[in-house]
Amino acid sequence: MFAFDLSDVPNNYAEVVQQAQSAPVVIEKHGRREAVLVSSESFDRFIETTEELDDILAFDEALSEEGENARWDEVKSELGCL
């Protein structure tokens, strides 16, 4: 992981972006982490993973709810999806 001081980023923008293609780049201000720059590919994977985890959590919550269950093929039939 690479780190740059915020004041150095404008003068080293190309290098910062290039480094972010291979590993997260920490942007620091007064020695404290202010931001982390990642490649667009890494960001897309992060978003996709987060959405998948949200779906899993929602599914687990739905399974734990009390009530009557229905088979998927019956639901599709009722909704006219067959």
PDB file of N, CA and C in Angstrom:
ATOM      1  N   MET A   1       0.851  -1.170   0.000  1.00  0.00           N
ATOM      2  CA  MET A   1       0.000   0.000   0.000  1.00  0.00           C
ATOM      3  C   MET A   1       0.898   1.234   0.000  1.00  0.00           C
ATOM      4  N   PHE A   2       0.514   2.202  -0.797  1.00  0.00           N
ATOM      5  CA  PHE A   2       1.279   3.434  -0.912  1.00  0.00           C
ATOM      6  C   PHE A   2       0.573   4.539  -0.144  1.00  0.00           C
ATOM      7  N   ALA A   3       1.337   5.564   0.237  1.00  0.00           N
ATOM      8  CA  ALA A   3       0.765   6.709   0.943  1.00  0.00           C
ATOM      9  C   ALA A   3       1.356   7.995   0.381  1.00  0.00           C
ATOM     10  N   PHE A   4       0.507   8.986   0.258  1.00  0.00           N
ATOM     11  CA  PHE A   4       0.920  10.313  -0.191  1.00  0.00           C
ATOM     12  C   PHE A   4       0.307  11.337   0.749  1.00  0.00           C
ATOM     13  N   ASP A   5       1.041  12.404   0.984  1.00  0.00           N
ATOM     14  CA  ASP A   5       0.475  13.517   1.726  1.00  0.00           C
ATOM     15  C   ASP A   5      -0.456  14.277   0.784  1.00  0.00           C
ATOM     16  N   LEU A   6      -1.557  14.742   1.310  1.00  0.00           N
ATOM     17  CA  LEU A   6      -2.543  15.445   0.498  1.00  0.00           C
ATOM     18  C   LEU A   6      -1.930  16.601  -0.282  1.00  0.00           C
ATOM     19  N   SER A   7      -0.997  17.297   0.322  1.00  0.00           N
ATOM     20  CA  SER A   7      -0.381  18.442  -0.360  1.00  0.00           C
ATOM     21  C   SER A   7       0.475  18.015  -1.552  1.00  0.00           C
ATOM     22  N   ASP A   8       0.914  16.759  -1.585  1.00  0.00           N
ATOM     23  CA  ASP A   8       1.732  16.258  -2.692  1.00  0.00           C
ATOM     24  C   ASP A   8       0.903  15.687  -3.844  1.00  0.00           C
ATOM     25  N   VAL A   9      -0.364  15.424  -3.612  1.00  0.00           N
ATOM     26  CA  VAL A   9      -1.185  14.779  -4.627  1.00  0.00           C
ATOM     27  C   VAL A   9      -1.315  15.600  -5.914  1.00  0.00           C
ATOM     28  N   PRO A  10      -1.610  16.893  -5.844  1.00  0.00           N
ATOM     29  CA  PRO A  10      -1.759  17.639  -7.107  1.00  0.00           C
ATOM     30  C   PRO A  10      -0.522  17.581  -8.010  1.00  0.00           C
ATOM     31  N   ASN A  11       0.660  17.633  -7.424  1.00  0.00           N
ATOM     32  CA  ASN A  11       1.892  17.605  -8.215  1.00  0.00           C
ATOM     33  C   ASN A  11       2.292  16.205  -8.650  1.00  0.00           C
ATOM     34  N   ASN A  12       1.674  15.186  -8.065  1.00  0.00           N
ATOM     35  CA  ASN A  12       2.019  13.793  -8.369  1.00  0.00           C
ATOM     36  C   ASN A  12       0.786  12.992  -8.772  1.00  0.00           C
ATOM     37  N   TYR A  13      -0.191  13.674  -9.330  1.00  0.00           N
ATOM     38  CA  TYR A  13      -1.470  13.035  -9.633  1.00  0.00           C
ATOM     39  C   TYR A  13      -1.316  11.779 -10.484  1.00  0.00           C
ATOM     40  N   ALA A  14      -0.529  11.876 -11.558  1.00  0.00           N
ATOM     41  CA  ALA A  14      -0.357  10.725 -12.458  1.00  0.00           C
ATOM     42  C   ALA A  14       0.241   9.533 -11.709  1.00  0.00           C
ATOM     43  N   GLU A  15       1.222   9.780 -10.864  1.00  0.00           N
ATOM     44  CA  GLU A  15       1.849   8.702 -10.091  1.00  0.00           C
ATOM     45  C   GLU A  15       0.862   8.101  -9.090  1.00  0.00           C
ATOM     46  N   VAL A  16       0.080   8.960  -8.428  1.00  0.00           N
ATOM     47  CA  VAL A  16      -0.904   8.480  -7.455  1.00  0.00           C
ATOM     48  C   VAL A  16      -1.908   7.548  -8.139  1.00  0.00           C
ATOM     49  N   VAL A  17      -2.426   7.982  -9.283  1.00  0.00           N
ATOM     50  CA  VAL A  17      -3.401   7.167 -10.011  1.00  0.00           C
ATOM     51  C   VAL A  17      -2.762   5.872 -10.505  1.00  0.00           C
ATOM     52  N   GLN A  18      -1.525   5.960 -10.988  1.00  0.00           N
ATOM     53  CA  GLN A  18      -0.837   4.754 -11.458  1.00  0.00           C
ATOM     54  C   GLN A  18      -0.648   3.762 -10.314  1.00  0.00           C
ATOM     55  N   GLN A  19      -0.243   4.241  -9.151  1.00  0.00           N
ATOM     56  CA  GLN A  19      -0.052   3.350  -7.998  1.00  0.00           C
ATOM     57  C   GLN A  19      -1.378   2.709  -7.581  1.00  0.00           C
ATOM     58  N   ALA A  20      -2.474   3.454  -7.707  1.00  0.00           N
ATOM     59  CA  ALA A  20      -3.788   2.934  -7.300  1.00  0.00           C
ATOM     60  C   ALA A  20      -4.255   1.789  -8.188  1.00  0.00           C
ATOM     61  N   GLN A  21      -3.664   1.636  -9.353  1.00  0.00           N
ATOM     62  CA  GLN A  21      -4.055   0.540 -10.240  1.00  0.00           C
ATOM     63  C   GLN A  21      -3.611  -0.810  -9.685  1.00  0.00           C
ATOM     64  N   SER A  22      -2.563  -0.803  -8.855  1.00  0.00           N
ATOM     65  CA  SER A  22      -2.051  -2.067  -8.322  1.00  0.00           C
ATOM     66  C   SER A  22      -2.316  -2.267  -6.836  1.00  0.00           C
ATOM     67  N   ALA A  23      -2.574  -1.174  -6.117  1.00  0.00           N
ATOM     68  CA  ALA A  23      -2.812  -1.286  -4.675  1.00  0.00           C
ATOM     69  C   ALA A  23      -3.488  -0.014  -4.187  1.00  0.00           C
ATOM     70  N   PRO A  24      -4.239  -0.107  -3.096  1.00  0.00           N
ATOM     71  CA  PRO A  24      -4.853   1.109  -2.553  1.00  0.00           C
ATOM     72  C   PRO A  24      -3.792   2.152  -2.201  1.00  0.00           C
ATOM     73  N   VAL A  25      -4.141   3.419  -2.415  1.00  0.00           N
ATOM     74  CA  VAL A  25      -3.243   4.526  -2.087  1.00  0.00           C
ATOM     75  C   VAL A  25      -3.896   5.341  -0.974  1.00  0.00           C
ATOM     76  N   VAL A  26      -3.182   5.479   0.125  1.00  0.00           N
ATOM     77  CA  VAL A  26      -3.667   6.254   1.258  1.00  0.00           C
ATOM     78  C   VAL A  26      -3.274   7.712   1.054  1.00  0.00           C
ATOM     79  N   ILE A  27      -4.245   8.597   1.213  1.00  0.00           N
ATOM     80  CA  ILE A  27      -3.991  10.030   1.149  1.00  0.00           C
ATOM     81  C   ILE A  27      -4.043  10.536   2.587  1.00  0.00           C
ATOM     82  N   GLU A  28      -2.925  11.124   3.036  1.00  0.00           N
ATOM     83  CA  GLU A  28      -2.824  11.569   4.423  1.00  0.00           C
ATOM     84  C   GLU A  28      -2.762  13.091   4.515  1.00  0.00           C
ATOM     85  N   LYS A  29      -3.253  13.597   5.624  1.00  0.00           N
ATOM     86  CA  LYS A  29      -3.161  15.022   5.928  1.00  0.00           C
ATOM     87  C   LYS A  29      -2.692  15.133   7.365  1.00  0.00           C
ATOM     88  N   HIS A  30      -1.549  15.754   7.546  1.00  0.00           N
ATOM     89  CA  HIS A  30      -0.929  15.866   8.877  1.00  0.00           C
ATOM     90  C   HIS A  30      -0.731  14.486   9.508  1.00  0.00           C
ATOM     91  N   GLY A  31      -0.354  13.504   8.685  1.00  0.00           N
ATOM     92  CA  GLY A  31      -0.061  12.163   9.182  1.00  0.00           C
ATOM     93  C   GLY A  31      -1.257  11.295   9.464  1.00  0.00           C
ATOM     94  N   ARG A  32      -2.460  11.811   9.194  1.00  0.00           N
ATOM     95  CA  ARG A  32      -3.678  11.029   9.440  1.00  0.00           C
ATOM     96  C   ARG A  32      -4.333  10.678   8.118  1.00  0.00           C
ATOM     97  N   ARG A  33      -4.840   9.477   8.026  1.00  0.00           N
ATOM     98  CA  ARG A  33      -5.498   9.022   6.801  1.00  0.00           C
ATOM     99  C   ARG A  33      -6.766   9.837   6.567  1.00  0.00           C
ATOM    100  N   GLU A  34      -6.858  10.432   5.394  1.00  0.00           N
ATOM    101  CA  GLU A  34      -8.023  11.228   5.006  1.00  0.00           C
ATOM    102  C   GLU A  34      -8.877  10.499   3.976  1.00  0.00           C
ATOM    103  N   ALA A  35      -8.228   9.745   3.097  1.00  0.00           N
ATOM    104  CA  ALA A  35      -8.943   9.057   2.024  1.00  0.00           C
ATOM    105  C   ALA A  35      -8.091   7.899   1.521  1.00  0.00           C
ATOM    106  N   VAL A  36      -8.735   7.010   0.776  1.00  0.00           N
ATOM    107  CA  VAL A  36      -8.032   5.905   0.137  1.00  0.00           C
ATOM    108  C   VAL A  36      -8.501   5.861  -1.314  1.00  0.00           C
ATOM    109  N   LEU A  37      -7.552   5.867  -2.226  1.00  0.00           N
ATOM    110  CA  LEU A  37      -7.848   5.809  -3.656  1.00  0.00           C
ATOM    111  C   LEU A  37      -7.596   4.386  -4.144  1.00  0.00           C
ATOM    112  N   VAL A  38      -8.595   3.844  -4.848  1.00  0.00           N
ATOM    113  CA  VAL A  38      -8.464   2.501  -5.419  1.00  0.00           C
ATOM    114  C   VAL A  38      -8.785   2.569  -6.906  1.00  0.00           C
ATOM    115  N   SER A  39      -8.385   1.548  -7.637  1.00  0.00           N
ATOM    116  CA  SER A  39      -8.691   1.486  -9.061  1.00  0.00           C
ATOM    117  C   SER A  39     -10.200   1.348  -9.245  1.00  0.00           C
ATOM    118  N   SER A  40     -10.671   1.717 -10.421  1.00  0.00           N
ATOM    119  CA  SER A  40     -12.105   1.580 -10.692  1.00  0.00           C
ATOM    120  C   SER A  40     -12.515   0.112 -10.663  1.00  0.00           C
ATOM    121  N   GLU A  41     -11.617  -0.776 -11.081  1.00  0.00           N
ATOM    122  CA  GLU A  41     -11.910  -2.213 -11.033  1.00  0.00           C
ATOM    123  C   GLU A  41     -12.096  -2.686  -9.593  1.00  0.00           C
ATOM    124  N   SER A  42     -11.222  -2.251  -8.697  1.00  0.00           N
ATOM    125  CA  SER A  42     -11.351  -2.615  -7.282  1.00  0.00           C
ATOM    126  C   SER A  42     -12.629  -2.050  -6.688  1.00  0.00           C
ATOM    127  N   PHE A  43     -12.960  -0.826  -7.053  1.00  0.00           N
ATOM    128  CA  PHE A  43     -14.181  -0.199  -6.562  1.00  0.00           C
ATOM    129  C   PHE A  43     -15.411  -0.970  -7.041  1.00  0.00           C
ATOM    130  N   ASP A  44     -15.431  -1.350  -8.321  1.00  0.00           N
ATOM    131  CA  ASP A  44     -16.556  -2.120  -8.864  1.00  0.00           C
ATOM    132  C   ASP A  44     -16.715  -3.452  -8.137  1.00  0.00           C
ATOM    133  N   ARG A  45     -15.589  -4.129  -7.851  1.00  0.00           N
ATOM    134  CA  ARG A  45     -15.647  -5.404  -7.113  1.00  0.00           C
ATOM    135  C   ARG A  45     -16.189  -5.175  -5.706  1.00  0.00           C
ATOM    136  N   PHE A  46     -15.776  -4.087  -5.080  1.00  0.00           N
ATOM    137  CA  PHE A  46     -16.248  -3.752  -3.737  1.00  0.00           C
ATOM    138  C   PHE A  46     -17.768  -3.549  -3.741  1.00  0.00           C
ATOM    139  N   ILE A  47     -18.257  -2.771  -4.704  1.00  0.00           N
ATOM    140  CA  ILE A  47     -19.692  -2.512  -4.789  1.00  0.00           C
ATOM    141  C   ILE A  47     -20.452  -3.808  -5.042  1.00  0.00           C
ATOM    142  N   GLU A  48     -19.965  -4.619  -5.967  1.00  0.00           N
ATOM    143  CA  GLU A  48     -20.627  -5.892  -6.280  1.00  0.00           C
ATOM    144  C   GLU A  48     -20.675  -6.800  -5.053  1.00  0.00           C
ATOM    145  N   THR A  49     -19.566  -6.899  -4.338  1.00  0.00           N
ATOM    146  CA  THR A  49     -19.507  -7.735  -3.134  1.00  0.00           C
ATOM    147  C   THR A  49     -20.456  -7.217  -2.065  1.00  0.00           C
ATOM    148  N   THR A  50     -20.496  -5.904  -1.888  1.00  0.00           N
ATOM    149  CA  THR A  50     -21.388  -5.301  -0.902  1.00  0.00           C
ATOM    150  C   THR A  50     -22.838  -5.601  -1.239  1.00  0.00           C
ATOM    151  N   GLU A  51     -23.209  -5.479  -2.519  1.00  0.00           N
ATOM    152  CA  GLU A  51     -24.583  -5.770  -2.932  1.00  0.00           C
ATOM    153  C   GLU A  51     -24.924  -7.240  -2.715  1.00  0.00           C
ATOM    154  N   GLU A  52     -23.977  -8.128  -3.003  1.00  0.00           N
ATOM    155  CA  GLU A  52     -24.218  -9.559  -2.781  1.00  0.00           C
ATOM    156  C   GLU A  52     -24.410  -9.857  -1.297  1.00  0.00           C
ATOM    157  N   LEU A  53     -23.606  -9.235  -0.445  1.00  0.00           N
ATOM    158  CA  LEU A  53     -23.753  -9.437   0.998  1.00  0.00           C
ATOM    159  C   LEU A  53     -25.083  -8.891   1.500  1.00  0.00           C
ATOM    160  N   ASP A  54     -25.508  -7.743   0.963  1.00  0.00           N
ATOM    161  CA  ASP A  54     -26.824  -7.206   1.325  1.00  0.00           C
ATOM    162  C   ASP A  54     -27.930  -8.182   0.954  1.00  0.00           C
ATOM    163  N   ASP A  55     -27.813  -8.797  -0.233  1.00  0.00           N
ATOM    164  CA  ASP A  55     -28.810  -9.784  -0.664  1.00  0.00           C
ATOM    165  C   ASP A  55     -28.834 -10.991   0.272  1.00  0.00           C
ATOM    166  N   ILE A  56     -27.678 -11.447   0.675  1.00  0.00           N
ATOM    167  CA  ILE A  56     -27.589 -12.599   1.581  1.00  0.00           C
ATOM    168  C   ILE A  56     -28.230 -12.256   2.924  1.00  0.00           C
ATOM    169  N   LEU A  57     -27.939 -11.066   3.446  1.00  0.00           N
ATOM    170  CA  LEU A  57     -28.537 -10.644   4.713  1.00  0.00           C
ATOM    171  C   LEU A  57     -30.061 -10.553   4.607  1.00  0.00           C
ATOM    172  N   ALA A  58     -30.542  -9.997   3.508  1.00  0.00           N
ATOM    173  CA  ALA A  58     -31.992  -9.883   3.312  1.00  0.00           C
ATOM    174  C   ALA A  58     -32.618 -11.269   3.222  1.00  0.00           C
ATOM    175  N   PHE A  59     -31.961 -12.181   2.537  1.00  0.00           N
ATOM    176  CA  PHE A  59     -32.466 -13.550   2.424  1.00  0.00           C
ATOM    177  C   PHE A  59     -32.512 -14.211   3.799  1.00  0.00           C
ATOM    178  N   ASP A  60     -31.435 -14.057   4.587  1.00  0.00           N
ATOM    179  CA  ASP A  60     -31.407 -14.641   5.928  1.00  0.00           C
ATOM    180  C   ASP A  60     -32.515 -14.059   6.805  1.00  0.00           C
ATOM    181  N   GLU A  61     -32.738 -12.750   6.707  1.00  0.00           N
ATOM    182  CA  GLU A  61     -33.800 -12.122   7.488  1.00  0.00           C
ATOM    183  C   GLU A  61     -35.170 -12.666   7.077  1.00  0.00           C
ATOM    184  N   ALA A  62     -35.372 -12.824   5.764  1.00  0.00           N
ATOM    185  CA  ALA A  62     -36.646 -13.341   5.274  1.00  0.00           C
ATOM    186  C   ALA A  62     -36.884 -14.769   5.766  1.00  0.00           C
ATOM    187  N   LEU A  63     -35.830 -15.564   5.805  1.00  0.00           N
ATOM    188  CA  LEU A  63     -35.969 -16.944   6.283  1.00  0.00           C
ATOM    189  C   LEU A  63     -36.323 -16.991   7.765  1.00  0.00           C
ATOM    190  N   SER A  64     -35.876 -16.020   8.517  1.00  0.00           N
ATOM    191  CA  SER A  64     -36.111 -16.048   9.958  1.00  0.00           C
ATOM    192  C   SER A  64     -37.481 -15.496  10.344  1.00  0.00           C
ATOM    193  N   GLU A  65     -38.193 -14.899   9.392  1.00  0.00           N
ATOM    194  CA  GLU A  65     -39.515 -14.353   9.686  1.00  0.00           C
ATOM    195  C   GLU A  65     -40.528 -15.477   9.849  1.00  0.00           C
ATOM    196  N   GLU A  66     -41.451 -15.249  10.760  1.00  0.00           N
ATOM    197  CA  GLU A  66     -42.550 -16.187  10.962  1.00  0.00           C
ATOM    198  C   GLU A  66     -43.526 -16.049   9.806  1.00  0.00           C
ATOM    199  N   GLY A  67     -44.215 -17.106   9.511  1.00  0.00           N
ATOM    200  CA  GLY A  67     -45.253 -17.015   8.491  1.00  0.00           C
ATOM    201  C   GLY A  67     -45.244 -18.205   7.568  1.00  0.00           C
ATOM    202  N   GLU A  68     -46.191 -18.179   6.657  1.00  0.00           N
ATOM    203  CA  GLU A  68     -46.368 -19.271   5.715  1.00  0.00           C
ATOM    204  C   GLU A  68     -45.363 -19.137   4.569  1.00  0.00           C
ATOM    205  N   ASN A  69     -44.816 -20.248   4.166  1.00  0.00           N
ATOM    206  CA  ASN A  69     -43.883 -20.268   3.054  1.00  0.00           C
ATOM    207  C   ASN A  69     -44.600 -20.718   1.786  1.00  0.00           C
ATOM    208  N   ALA A  70     -44.052 -20.288   0.641  1.00  0.00           N
ATOM    209  CA  ALA A  70     -44.613 -20.711  -0.643  1.00  0.00           C
ATOM    210  C   ALA A  70     -43.462 -21.189  -1.520  1.00  0.00           C
ATOM    211  N   ARG A  71     -43.761 -22.178  -2.346  1.00  0.00           N
ATOM    212  CA  ARG A  71     -42.746 -22.666  -3.276  1.00  0.00           C
ATOM    213  C   ARG A  71     -42.563 -21.657  -4.396  1.00  0.00           C
ATOM    214  N   TRP A  72     -41.347 -21.550  -4.901  1.00  0.00           N
ATOM    215  CA  TRP A  72     -41.017 -20.569  -5.924  1.00  0.00           C
ATOM    216  C   TRP A  72     -41.856 -20.767  -7.193  1.00  0.00           C
ATOM    217  N   ASP A  73     -42.035 -22.013  -7.611  1.00  0.00           N
ATOM    218  CA  ASP A  73     -42.821 -22.246  -8.822  1.00  0.00           C
ATOM    219  C   ASP A  73     -44.273 -21.821  -8.639  1.00  0.00           C
ATOM    220  N   GLU A  74     -44.807 -21.940  -7.413  1.00  0.00           N
ATOM    221  CA  GLU A  74     -46.170 -21.493  -7.136  1.00  0.00           C
ATOM    222  C   GLU A  74     -46.263 -19.966  -7.200  1.00  0.00           C
ATOM    223  N   VAL A  75     -45.281 -19.291  -6.673  1.00  0.00           N
ATOM    224  CA  VAL A  75     -45.255 -17.822  -6.695  1.00  0.00           C
ATOM    225  C   VAL A  75     -45.185 -17.337  -8.142  1.00  0.00           C
ATOM    226  N   LYS A  76     -44.300 -17.941  -8.928  1.00  0.00           N
ATOM    227  CA  LYS A  76     -44.174 -17.540 -10.335  1.00  0.00           C
ATOM    228  C   LYS A  76     -45.489 -17.765 -11.078  1.00  0.00           C
ATOM    229  N   SER A  77     -46.139 -18.864 -10.783  1.00  0.00           N
ATOM    230  CA  SER A  77     -47.401 -19.174 -11.448  1.00  0.00           C
ATOM    231  C   SER A  77     -48.460 -18.138 -11.082  1.00  0.00           C
ATOM    232  N   GLU A  78     -48.548 -17.798  -9.798  1.00  0.00           N
ATOM    233  CA  GLU A  78     -49.518 -16.799  -9.344  1.00  0.00           C
ATOM    234  C   GLU A  78     -49.262 -15.433  -9.977  1.00  0.00           C
ATOM    235  N   LEU A  79     -47.999 -15.107 -10.202  1.00  0.00           N
ATOM    236  CA  LEU A  79     -47.652 -13.814 -10.790  1.00  0.00           C
ATOM    237  C   LEU A  79     -47.682 -13.831 -12.316  1.00  0.00           C
ATOM    238  N   GLY A  80     -47.959 -15.011 -12.886  1.00  0.00           N
ATOM    239  CA  GLY A  80     -48.022 -15.134 -14.338  1.00  0.00           C
ATOM    240  C   GLY A  80     -46.648 -15.098 -14.994  1.00  0.00           C
ATOM    241  N   CYS A  81     -45.640 -15.577 -14.300  1.00  0.00           N
ATOM    242  CA  CYS A  81     -44.266 -15.555 -14.825  1.00  0.00           C
ATOM    243  C   CYS A  81     -43.880 -16.855 -15.522  1.00  0.00           C
ATOM    244  N   LEU A  82     -44.766 -17.821 -15.580  1.00  0.00           N
ATOM    245  CA  LEU A  82     -44.439 -19.102 -16.210  1.00  0.00           C
ATOM    246  C   LEU A  82     -44.721 -19.108 -17.672  1.00  0.00           C
TER     247      LEU A  82
END
